[in-house]
Structure formats: structure tokens, C-alpha cells
């Protein structure tokens, strides 16, 4: 199982989102695949969540002193413990479970003492926290978190993974009663319930129903499910050399597909994502370059040439973004901040945008003007992105080489290094899980 590591919200760093672009990126991604978030990894977790809610309801936990949702933590501990012993799969917030002594003590039974731990009670983390809202988007849960008809079907399909050899529920019953210790050795009969195991035929069938339902409910993004992009197109997003062609190929794939109004709306959404990615990448680079450079830095003539070309690339992409009249286009403060700015004040305007964003959320800006106020906030490596220095070297090489398409090449280089997740590979994985390859 693969979940995000436990990070307390109050102590998390916002260095990767100094300009407030992540929220807009998520809203734009929702125009394509609203069912996905960065923490939704596999369809199997939806199945477990539906099963857990169904189990708790059927077994009378709705009248518990805790809400039924809170008891999901008890089921989750049972599930991840068996998964760890069976296949050594990474588990959700495993370090926190270990801190509670849940996965390290032999013969440990369910003990209400651990309920006093804040992590145990905090359902922001875990299967419920990461999958409840996406499950609602999929049509598996109602707004009150009760299962829909599809959710009940998926719950039953997940529970039946073991077929006639079903041992999961009997052992779970004993665990929930406090009579069944967690395993200290693998129970091979529970292997079908691993998150990494293939679904049963019935589970695949239910997921096909779920996908068909979302196509009906969301006709624009539904086109992406009715006619998924080809694997060769997906591969374009795997390398810098080919990434520049990714959105072009996606556009071409849907150019003549579907009813005209729906098709046009999808093309507009794709354009918003593509142009935002370029704008965000260039602005992020300008900000991080300013933050990381030495105090005694002075621009050279080459720096000024590159600055001019970056401005040209950013303003060109911004003009295209602003021209899109998509009805679901989210609001964004940066275009207004940059309106009418010249290449010489581009950097100052972007830093101004950063300071305004930080103040808006009640935080100190990393820098104001040319002065760094908070040290160590922008790392030289952010996730899998290359360092600002490496990208600077690449952009300088492009500027020195010149050419009629220099501005476009600068924009594409930045977009690759600061690329966003638009969830096309995840949609492919969901289709394969449902047996639609």
C-alpha cells in the first residue's frame, strides 16, 4: 500500500508553493479528472473504504460513542498489519502506527487506550481522510458519507475478494471484539485483500459501472474516459525531449471526437492546463532564481537577454490563458499582478505576488524586494525537479544559441522542469484495474 507520509499540517513547509499555484493547479486538474488527488493511489483503497463503512454500519457501530468513521482506524490497523506481514507493503502513516506500538508488539489486541493518541483520532490522515472525498466524487458516497448503491456494490465486491476461502471478516470480527491479536506471521488466506493484488472479476465489473456512471454525469471530462489517450501519447510525458508534444497530441486525439459543444469545452480545459503550466513554470523559476542567487549578483548583458526572452515567453502564455472563455475557468490573481509589466519589472512583480499570497494566508513572505527574509525556504531541489542552477544553465545555452523559436523552447524547457500532474497515467491505471485496456 502506498500513502503519503505523515506530516503535521501546522508544521508543514509551503516552500514548494511559494506563489500559491498548487491550489489553482488542483482546480484545473479537476476540470479533467475530478476523481483524483495527489493522495489517491489505487482503486483498491476505495474498495476497502466502502467495505469498512458498510461493515461498521452492519455491525452496529453507528451507535458507538465514536462515529462510525472513527472506527475505520481500527479496521485499518488490522488491514495494514496483515499486509505488512504478507508482502511487506508500505503502509499508511506506518511510523505513527509504530509509535503507538501497534505494529511492533506480538500478541497485541485492540486496546482502547491508544484512542487517546491524537493521530489515532485524526482522520485527516488515512484511508478515510485521503479517499472519502474522491469516493464521493466517484459516486460511491453521499454527502453525508452514507454509501450509495454503487458504493454498496463495491463494498460487497471487495469483501468477496477471498471467494469461498474468505477469512478476512471472521478474523476482523475477533479483532474488533478485542479477542484477536495482530499477526506475527503471514496469513496467506488473506493475500487476496492486499491493495496490490488484482481485483476479482466482480470488482472489475463494479468499477466499469462506476466509470460508465461518471461518463454520464460529467460529459466533458467523460470524453477522456470514453476515448482514453494512447499509451504512446502517455510516454511523451516521460522525457524532456518529448514532453513538448504531449498536450499537442492530446489535443489532436480529441479534435473531432464527441458533440461539438462538449468537444470545444474539453479543448478549452486542456488549453487552460497547458498555458497555466507554462506560466507557472516560468514564474516559479524567476522567483526561485531570485531567492537563491548571491546578494552581490549583478546582471550581465546575457542575463538581460535571457530575462527579456523569459518575459516574452511568460507574457505570451499569459495572453493565451486570458483569451480562453471556458465557463469553469478558475480565478487567478497573478494575471492581474503582471498586467502591463515590462521585462525589467517582471521579477519584482512576481515577488510582489509571492508576498501578497503569504500575507493572505497569514505567513511571512520569503523575500521582499531583493531581500531574503526567511532563509532555507526554497530548496535547490524541489521533489524530482532539477536545480534552479541546472535550468539556468540550460536556458542560457538556449539563449546563446538563439533562433526564431527561442521563446517557445524556453517555455517548453521550464514547463518540463516544473511540470504538473494532470492524472492521465492514473486514469489509465484505473481503466486497467476495471479491465478496460
Protein backbone atom coordinates (compact mmCIF):
# COMPACT_ATOMS: atom_id res chain seq x y z
CA UNK A 1 0.00 0.00 0.00
CA UNK A 2 1.27 3.46 -0.79
CA UNK A 3 0.11 6.57 1.02
CA UNK A 4 1.73 9.90 1.75
CA UNK A 5 3.97 10.15 4.81
CA UNK A 6 2.54 11.65 7.99
CA UNK A 7 3.20 15.40 8.06
CA UNK A 8 1.51 17.59 10.69
CA UNK A 9 -0.32 20.37 8.89
CA UNK A 10 0.79 23.06 11.32
CA UNK A 11 4.43 22.21 10.76
CA UNK A 12 4.42 21.59 7.03
CA UNK A 13 6.50 23.75 4.75
CA UNK A 14 4.99 25.76 1.92
CA UNK A 15 8.31 26.21 0.13
CA UNK A 16 7.13 24.18 -2.85
CA UNK A 17 4.16 26.51 -3.28
CA UNK A 18 5.65 29.94 -2.63
CA UNK A 19 3.43 31.52 -5.27
CA UNK A 20 0.19 29.75 -4.39
CA UNK A 21 -0.02 27.81 -7.64
CA UNK A 22 -0.86 24.39 -6.19
CA UNK A 23 -4.46 25.30 -5.42
CA UNK A 24 -5.09 26.54 -8.95
CA UNK A 25 -3.32 23.52 -10.40
CA UNK A 26 -5.68 21.24 -8.44
CA UNK A 27 -8.74 23.16 -9.68
CA UNK A 28 -7.57 22.87 -13.27
CA UNK A 29 -6.82 19.16 -12.85
CA UNK A 30 -10.38 18.78 -11.54
CA UNK A 31 -11.64 20.04 -14.90
CA UNK A 32 -10.10 16.90 -16.40
CA UNK A 33 -10.19 14.24 -13.67
CA UNK A 34 -12.08 15.45 -10.58
CA UNK A 35 -11.93 11.96 -9.06
CA UNK A 36 -8.17 12.13 -8.39
CA UNK A 37 -5.95 13.88 -5.86
CA UNK A 38 -2.24 13.55 -5.12
CA UNK A 39 -3.09 11.11 -2.30
CA UNK A 40 -5.32 8.74 -4.27
CA UNK A 41 -3.05 5.96 -5.41
CA UNK A 42 -5.02 2.78 -6.16
CA UNK A 43 -8.66 1.82 -6.72
CA UNK A 44 -8.35 -0.88 -4.04
CA UNK A 45 -8.42 1.75 -1.29
CA UNK A 46 -11.87 2.89 -2.42
CA UNK A 47 -12.99 -0.72 -2.12
CA UNK A 48 -11.59 -1.00 1.40
CA UNK A 49 -13.19 2.29 2.45
CA UNK A 50 -16.61 1.23 1.16
CA UNK A 51 -16.21 -2.15 2.83
CA UNK A 52 -15.20 -0.51 6.12
CA UNK A 53 -18.17 1.86 6.18
CA UNK A 54 -20.52 -0.98 5.25
CA UNK A 55 -19.03 -3.28 7.90
CA UNK A 56 -19.32 -0.66 10.63
CA UNK A 57 -22.93 0.06 9.74
CA UNK A 58 -23.94 -3.61 9.57
CA UNK A 59 -22.25 -4.40 12.88
CA UNK A 60 -23.90 -1.66 14.89
CA UNK A 61 -21.00 0.75 15.34
CA UNK A 62 -23.25 3.68 14.36
CA UNK A 63 -24.41 3.79 17.99
CA UNK A 64 -20.85 3.77 19.34
CA UNK A 65 -19.54 6.63 21.46
CA UNK A 66 -17.38 7.40 18.44
CA UNK A 67 -18.69 8.00 14.96
CA UNK A 68 -18.63 5.01 12.60
CA UNK A 69 -15.94 6.80 10.61
CA UNK A 70 -13.62 6.91 13.62
CA UNK A 71 -13.77 3.14 13.91
CA UNK A 72 -12.24 2.91 10.44
CA UNK A 73 -8.88 3.36 12.18
CA UNK A 74 -9.46 0.04 13.97
CA UNK A 75 -10.17 -1.74 10.69
CA UNK A 76 -7.24 -0.01 9.04
CA UNK A 77 -4.79 -1.22 11.67
CA UNK A 78 -5.96 -4.78 11.12
CA UNK A 79 -5.63 -4.42 7.34
CA UNK A 80 -2.19 -2.85 7.26
CA UNK A 81 -0.77 -5.28 9.81
CA UNK A 82 -1.72 -8.26 7.68
CA UNK A 83 -0.47 -6.50 4.56
CA UNK A 84 2.89 -5.86 6.16
CA UNK A 85 3.32 -9.49 7.16
CA UNK A 86 2.10 -10.87 3.85
CA UNK A 87 4.11 -8.79 1.43
CA UNK A 88 5.96 -6.11 3.37
CA UNK A 89 3.90 -3.44 1.62
CA UNK A 90 4.43 0.14 2.68
CA UNK A 91 1.59 1.21 4.89
CA UNK A 92 -0.21 4.44 5.54
CA UNK A 93 1.50 6.53 8.21
CA UNK A 94 3.43 3.47 9.30
CA UNK A 95 5.71 5.48 11.55
CA UNK A 96 2.74 6.71 13.57
CA UNK A 97 1.32 3.21 13.97
CA UNK A 98 4.76 2.12 15.15
CA UNK A 99 4.84 4.97 17.66
CA UNK A 100 1.59 3.64 19.09
CA UNK A 101 3.22 0.23 19.45
CA UNK A 102 0.56 -1.22 17.21
CA UNK A 103 2.76 -2.98 14.68
CA UNK A 104 5.65 -3.98 16.90
CA UNK A 105 4.12 -5.82 19.86
CA UNK A 106 3.46 -9.50 19.49
CA UNK A 107 0.04 -10.68 20.53
CA UNK A 108 -1.37 -7.16 20.65
CA UNK A 109 -5.17 -6.99 20.67
CA UNK A 110 -7.33 -3.95 20.06
CA UNK A 111 -6.87 -1.67 23.06
CA UNK A 112 -8.99 1.41 23.54
CA UNK A 113 -6.09 3.08 25.40
CA UNK A 114 -4.49 4.11 22.13
CA UNK A 115 -7.60 6.10 21.23
CA UNK A 116 -6.24 8.94 23.35
CA UNK A 117 -3.46 9.44 20.82
CA UNK A 118 -4.13 12.41 18.55
CA UNK A 119 -3.04 10.58 15.43
CA UNK A 120 -5.43 7.73 16.17
CA UNK A 121 -8.29 10.22 16.25
CA UNK A 122 -7.12 12.40 13.35
CA UNK A 123 -8.95 11.07 10.30
CA UNK A 124 -7.44 13.68 8.02
CA UNK A 125 -4.76 11.03 7.58
CA UNK A 126 -5.53 7.53 6.49
CA UNK A 127 -7.94 5.78 4.20
CA UNK A 128 -10.90 7.88 5.27
CA UNK A 129 -9.07 11.21 5.09
CA UNK A 130 -7.48 10.56 1.72
CA UNK A 131 -10.29 8.70 -0.02
CA UNK A 132 -13.64 9.90 1.37
CA UNK A 133 -13.96 12.99 -0.85
CA UNK A 134 -12.68 11.24 -4.00
CA UNK A 135 -15.11 8.38 -3.26
CA UNK A 136 -17.88 10.93 -3.09
CA UNK A 137 -16.77 12.31 -6.46
CA UNK A 138 -16.84 8.80 -7.90
CA UNK A 139 -20.44 8.45 -6.69
CA UNK A 140 -19.63 5.87 -4.02
CA UNK A 141 -20.56 8.02 -1.04
CA UNK A 142 -23.32 10.53 -0.41
CA UNK A 143 -22.50 13.96 1.01
CA UNK A 144 -23.40 12.57 4.46
CA UNK A 145 -20.86 9.77 3.84
CA UNK A 146 -23.52 7.07 3.55
CA UNK A 147 -22.81 4.56 0.80
CA UNK A 148 -24.61 4.91 -2.49
CA UNK A 149 -25.89 1.87 -4.34
CA UNK A 150 -22.62 1.71 -6.28
CA UNK A 151 -20.69 2.08 -3.03
CA UNK A 152 -22.54 -0.86 -1.53
CA UNK A 153 -21.81 -2.94 -4.63
CA UNK A 154 -18.11 -2.12 -4.38
CA UNK A 155 -18.10 -2.88 -0.64
CA UNK A 156 -19.57 -6.32 -1.26
CA UNK A 157 -17.20 -6.99 -4.16
CA UNK A 158 -14.16 -6.08 -2.05
CA UNK A 159 -15.35 -8.22 0.86
CA UNK A 160 -15.78 -11.17 -1.50
CA UNK A 161 -12.21 -11.00 -2.80
CA UNK A 162 -11.32 -14.18 -0.92
CA UNK A 163 -14.14 -16.14 -2.55
CA UNK A 164 -15.08 -19.29 -0.70
CA UNK A 165 -11.88 -19.02 1.33
CA UNK A 166 -12.99 -15.75 2.93
CA UNK A 167 -11.13 -15.41 6.23
CA UNK A 168 -10.97 -11.62 6.41
CA UNK A 169 -14.29 -10.85 8.12
CA UNK A 170 -14.18 -13.67 10.73
CA UNK A 171 -10.69 -12.57 11.82
CA UNK A 172 -11.70 -8.92 11.70
CA UNK A 173 -14.71 -9.64 13.93
CA UNK A 174 -12.43 -11.14 16.58
CA UNK A 175 -10.03 -8.18 16.28
CA UNK A 176 -12.84 -5.66 16.71
CA UNK A 177 -14.09 -7.58 19.75
CA UNK A 178 -10.60 -7.42 21.27
CA UNK A 179 -10.15 -11.18 21.05
CA UNK A 180 -7.85 -11.48 18.01
CA UNK A 181 -4.21 -10.37 18.23
CA UNK A 182 -2.47 -8.85 15.27
CA UNK A 183 -0.43 -11.39 13.31
CA UNK A 184 3.24 -12.05 13.87
CA UNK A 185 3.43 -14.22 10.73
CA UNK A 186 1.77 -14.18 7.30
CA UNK A 187 -1.76 -15.48 6.83
CA UNK A 188 -1.74 -16.49 3.15
CA UNK A 189 -5.52 -16.83 3.06
CA UNK A 190 -5.72 -13.02 3.32
CA UNK A 191 -3.46 -12.37 0.34
CA UNK A 192 -6.41 -11.50 -1.97
CA UNK A 193 -7.09 -8.47 0.24
CA UNK A 194 -3.72 -6.82 -0.34
CA UNK A 195 -4.03 -3.44 -2.05
CA UNK A 196 -1.53 -4.57 -4.68
CA UNK A 197 -3.45 -7.74 -5.60
CA UNK A 198 -5.57 -7.88 -8.75
CA UNK A 199 -9.29 -7.32 -8.21
CA UNK A 200 -11.83 -10.07 -8.65
CA UNK A 201 -13.98 -10.23 -11.76
CA UNK A 202 -16.90 -8.82 -9.77
CA UNK A 203 -14.80 -5.90 -8.53
CA UNK A 204 -13.72 -5.11 -12.09
CA UNK A 205 -17.34 -5.23 -13.18
CA UNK A 206 -18.37 -2.74 -10.49
CA UNK A 207 -15.57 -0.37 -11.49
CA UNK A 208 -16.79 -0.49 -15.08
CA UNK A 209 -20.22 0.55 -13.79
CA UNK A 210 -18.61 3.36 -11.78
CA UNK A 211 -16.69 4.67 -14.80
CA UNK A 212 -19.79 4.48 -17.01
CA UNK A 213 -21.72 6.46 -14.41
CA UNK A 214 -19.10 9.21 -14.25
CA UNK A 215 -19.15 9.46 -18.05
CA UNK A 216 -22.89 10.09 -17.90
CA UNK A 217 -22.64 12.57 -15.04
CA UNK A 218 -19.68 14.53 -16.45
CA UNK A 219 -19.98 14.63 -20.25
CA UNK A 220 -16.97 16.94 -20.83
CA UNK A 221 -14.39 15.08 -18.74
CA UNK A 222 -16.27 11.91 -19.66
CA UNK A 223 -14.74 12.13 -23.13
CA UNK A 224 -11.38 11.40 -21.52
CA UNK A 225 -12.78 8.09 -20.25
CA UNK A 226 -14.73 7.18 -23.38
CA UNK A 227 -11.71 7.65 -25.62
CA UNK A 228 -8.54 7.48 -23.48
CA UNK A 229 -5.31 8.76 -24.96
CA UNK A 230 -2.94 6.19 -26.40
CA UNK A 231 -0.06 4.71 -24.43
CA UNK A 232 2.38 6.22 -26.93
CA UNK A 233 0.97 9.63 -26.04
CA UNK A 234 1.35 8.90 -22.33
CA UNK A 235 5.01 8.05 -22.92
CA UNK A 236 5.59 11.54 -24.32
CA UNK A 237 5.24 12.87 -20.78
CA UNK A 238 8.14 10.72 -19.57
CA UNK A 239 11.02 12.66 -21.11
CA UNK A 240 12.03 16.27 -21.62
CA UNK A 241 12.70 15.63 -25.29
CA UNK A 242 9.11 14.56 -25.96
CA UNK A 243 7.11 16.39 -23.31
CA UNK A 244 6.70 19.43 -25.57
CA UNK A 245 4.49 17.27 -27.82
CA UNK A 246 2.28 15.83 -25.07
CA UNK A 247 -0.51 18.40 -24.99
CA UNK A 248 -0.44 18.74 -28.78
CA UNK A 249 -1.08 15.02 -29.15
CA UNK A 250 -3.84 15.10 -26.54
CA UNK A 251 -5.49 17.99 -28.39
CA UNK A 252 -5.28 16.09 -31.67
CA UNK A 253 -6.72 12.97 -30.08
CA UNK A 254 -9.96 14.75 -29.15
CA UNK A 255 -10.10 17.25 -32.01
CA UNK A 256 -13.02 15.62 -33.82
CA UNK A 257 -14.43 13.46 -31.02
CA UNK A 258 -17.79 13.96 -29.33
CA UNK A 259 -20.58 16.55 -29.76
CA UNK A 260 -19.25 19.94 -30.85
CA UNK A 261 -20.07 21.97 -27.66
CA UNK A 262 -18.67 19.24 -25.40
CA UNK A 263 -15.58 18.79 -27.55
CA UNK A 264 -14.94 22.55 -27.61
CA UNK A 265 -15.26 22.76 -23.82
CA UNK A 266 -12.75 19.93 -23.37
CA UNK A 267 -10.27 21.63 -25.70
CA UNK A 268 -10.59 24.84 -23.67
CA UNK A 269 -9.91 22.97 -20.45
CA UNK A 270 -6.84 21.35 -21.96
CA UNK A 271 -5.64 24.76 -23.13
CA UNK A 272 -6.08 26.22 -19.65
CA UNK A 273 -3.93 23.42 -18.17
CA UNK A 274 -1.24 23.74 -20.83
CA UNK A 275 -0.89 27.53 -20.63
CA UNK A 276 -1.10 27.60 -16.84
CA UNK A 277 1.70 25.05 -16.62
CA UNK A 278 3.95 27.25 -18.79
CA UNK A 279 3.09 30.45 -16.89
CA UNK A 280 3.52 28.79 -13.51
CA UNK A 281 6.83 27.22 -14.52
CA UNK A 282 8.34 30.47 -15.77
CA UNK A 283 7.11 32.47 -12.78
CA UNK A 284 8.34 29.80 -10.35
CA UNK A 285 11.74 29.81 -12.00
CA UNK A 286 12.03 33.60 -11.86
CA UNK A 287 11.11 33.60 -8.16
CA UNK A 288 13.40 30.73 -7.14
CA UNK A 289 16.30 32.14 -9.17
CA UNK A 290 15.91 35.49 -7.39
CA UNK A 291 15.68 33.80 -3.99
CA UNK A 292 18.75 31.58 -4.44
CA UNK A 293 21.22 33.89 -6.12
CA UNK A 294 24.04 35.61 -4.17
CA UNK A 295 23.49 39.05 -2.65
CA UNK A 296 26.30 40.53 -4.72
CA UNK A 297 24.89 39.31 -8.04
CA UNK A 298 24.86 41.77 -10.92
CA UNK A 299 23.18 41.03 -14.27
CA UNK A 300 25.34 40.65 -17.36
CA UNK A 301 24.22 41.51 -20.90
CA UNK A 302 23.47 37.79 -21.40
CA UNK A 303 21.31 37.80 -18.28
CA UNK A 304 19.33 40.72 -19.66
CA UNK A 305 18.78 38.94 -22.97
CA UNK A 306 17.51 35.85 -21.17
CA UNK A 307 15.33 37.99 -18.92
CA UNK A 308 13.74 39.57 -21.98
CA UNK A 309 13.03 36.20 -23.57
CA UNK A 310 11.58 34.75 -20.36
CA UNK A 311 9.29 37.78 -20.09
CA UNK A 312 8.25 37.32 -23.71
CA UNK A 313 7.51 33.63 -23.17
CA UNK A 314 5.56 34.24 -19.97
CA UNK A 315 3.51 37.13 -21.32
CA UNK A 316 2.73 35.19 -24.49
CA UNK A 317 1.41 32.23 -22.49
CA UNK A 318 -0.49 34.60 -20.21
CA UNK A 319 -2.17 36.26 -23.18
CA UNK A 320 -3.33 32.84 -24.42
CA UNK A 321 -4.57 31.90 -20.95
CA UNK A 322 -6.53 35.13 -20.60
CA UNK A 323 -8.16 34.66 -24.01
CA UNK A 324 -9.82 31.37 -23.01
CA UNK A 325 -13.51 31.79 -22.12
CA UNK A 326 -14.08 28.40 -20.52
CA UNK A 327 -17.14 28.63 -18.24
CA UNK A 328 -15.37 26.77 -15.42
CA UNK A 329 -12.18 28.83 -15.61
CA UNK A 330 -10.97 29.44 -12.03
CA UNK A 331 -9.97 32.89 -10.76
CA UNK A 332 -6.25 33.67 -10.54
CA UNK A 333 -4.54 36.75 -9.07
CA UNK A 334 -1.24 36.54 -10.98
CA UNK A 335 -2.54 37.76 -14.39
CA UNK A 336 -3.81 40.97 -12.79
CA UNK A 337 -0.50 41.48 -10.95
CA UNK A 338 1.50 41.09 -14.17
CA UNK A 339 -0.81 43.15 -16.36
CA UNK A 340 1.23 45.69 -18.32
CA UNK A 341 4.55 44.81 -16.67
CA UNK A 342 7.81 45.09 -18.61
CA UNK A 343 10.70 42.65 -18.69
CA UNK A 344 12.64 44.89 -16.30
CA UNK A 345 10.00 44.70 -13.55
CA UNK A 346 8.81 41.10 -14.11
CA UNK A 347 10.85 39.75 -11.22
CA UNK A 348 9.65 42.46 -8.83
CA UNK A 349 6.03 41.79 -9.79
CA UNK A 350 6.38 38.07 -9.15
CA UNK A 351 7.98 38.70 -5.76
CA UNK A 352 5.13 41.12 -5.03
CA UNK A 353 2.66 38.35 -5.88
CA UNK A 354 4.51 35.99 -3.52
CA UNK A 355 4.39 38.48 -0.64
CA UNK A 356 0.66 39.11 -1.18
CA UNK A 357 -0.04 35.36 -1.20
CA UNK A 358 1.94 34.83 2.01
CA UNK A 359 0.21 37.73 3.79
CA UNK A 360 -3.17 36.44 2.65
CA UNK A 361 -2.63 33.15 4.45
CA UNK A 362 -1.11 34.84 7.50
CA UNK A 363 2.50 33.85 6.82
CA UNK A 364 5.72 35.80 6.43
CA UNK A 365 6.99 36.23 2.85
CA UNK A 366 10.25 34.51 2.00
CA UNK A 367 11.55 37.70 0.46
CA UNK A 368 10.53 41.29 -0.14
CA UNK A 369 12.11 43.32 -2.91
CA UNK A 370 15.64 41.95 -3.31
CA UNK A 371 15.94 40.95 0.35
CA UNK A 372 15.54 37.38 1.57
CA UNK A 373 13.57 37.50 4.82
CA UNK A 374 13.36 33.78 5.61
CA UNK A 375 16.35 31.57 4.88
CA UNK A 376 16.12 27.98 3.71
CA UNK A 377 12.57 28.17 2.36
CA UNK A 378 13.34 27.34 -1.26
CA UNK A 379 15.40 24.22 -1.70
CA UNK A 380 17.82 23.80 -4.55
CA UNK A 381 15.89 20.66 -5.34
CA UNK A 382 12.11 20.52 -5.09
CA UNK A 383 10.82 16.98 -5.42
CA UNK A 384 12.09 15.48 -8.67
CA UNK A 385 12.80 18.83 -10.33
CA UNK A 386 16.30 19.77 -11.34
CA UNK A 387 18.02 22.60 -9.52
CA UNK A 388 17.49 26.22 -10.49
CA UNK A 389 21.18 26.34 -11.41
CA UNK A 390 20.83 23.48 -13.89
CA UNK A 391 17.77 25.04 -15.51
CA UNK A 392 19.56 28.40 -15.63
CA UNK A 393 22.45 26.77 -17.47
CA UNK A 394 20.04 25.20 -19.92
CA UNK A 395 18.16 28.43 -20.57
CA UNK A 396 21.38 30.38 -21.01
CA UNK A 397 22.56 27.81 -23.54
CA UNK A 398 19.28 28.19 -25.43
CA UNK A 399 19.58 31.99 -25.37
CA UNK A 400 23.14 31.82 -26.66
CA UNK A 401 22.11 29.51 -29.47
CA UNK A 402 19.23 31.83 -30.41
CA UNK A 403 16.85 31.01 -33.23
CA UNK A 404 13.38 32.04 -34.30
CA UNK A 405 11.75 29.58 -31.88
CA UNK A 406 13.87 30.57 -28.87
CA UNK A 407 10.92 31.84 -26.83
CA UNK A 408 8.99 28.61 -27.41
CA UNK A 409 12.00 26.47 -26.44
CA UNK A 410 12.49 28.46 -23.22
CA UNK A 411 8.83 27.98 -22.34
CA UNK A 412 8.99 24.25 -23.02
CA UNK A 413 12.20 23.76 -21.01
CA UNK A 414 10.68 25.49 -17.97
CA UNK A 415 7.38 23.60 -18.32
CA UNK A 416 9.22 20.27 -18.23
CA UNK A 417 11.21 21.08 -15.08
CA UNK A 418 8.15 22.42 -13.26
CA UNK A 419 5.55 20.13 -14.83
CA UNK A 420 2.26 19.46 -13.12
CA UNK A 421 0.30 16.26 -12.57
CA UNK A 422 -2.72 16.08 -14.86
CA UNK A 423 -3.54 12.46 -13.88
CA UNK A 424 -3.62 10.90 -17.35
CA UNK A 425 -1.45 7.93 -16.23
CA UNK A 426 -3.66 7.48 -13.18
CA UNK A 427 -6.76 7.32 -15.37
CA UNK A 428 -5.03 4.65 -17.44
CA UNK A 429 -4.30 2.64 -14.28
CA UNK A 430 -7.95 2.87 -13.22
CA UNK A 431 -9.12 1.67 -16.62
CA UNK A 432 -6.74 -1.27 -16.49
CA UNK A 433 -7.99 -2.10 -13.00
CA UNK A 434 -11.53 -2.16 -14.39
CA UNK A 435 -10.44 -4.45 -17.21
CA UNK A 436 -10.70 -1.80 -19.93
CA UNK A 437 -7.34 -1.74 -21.61
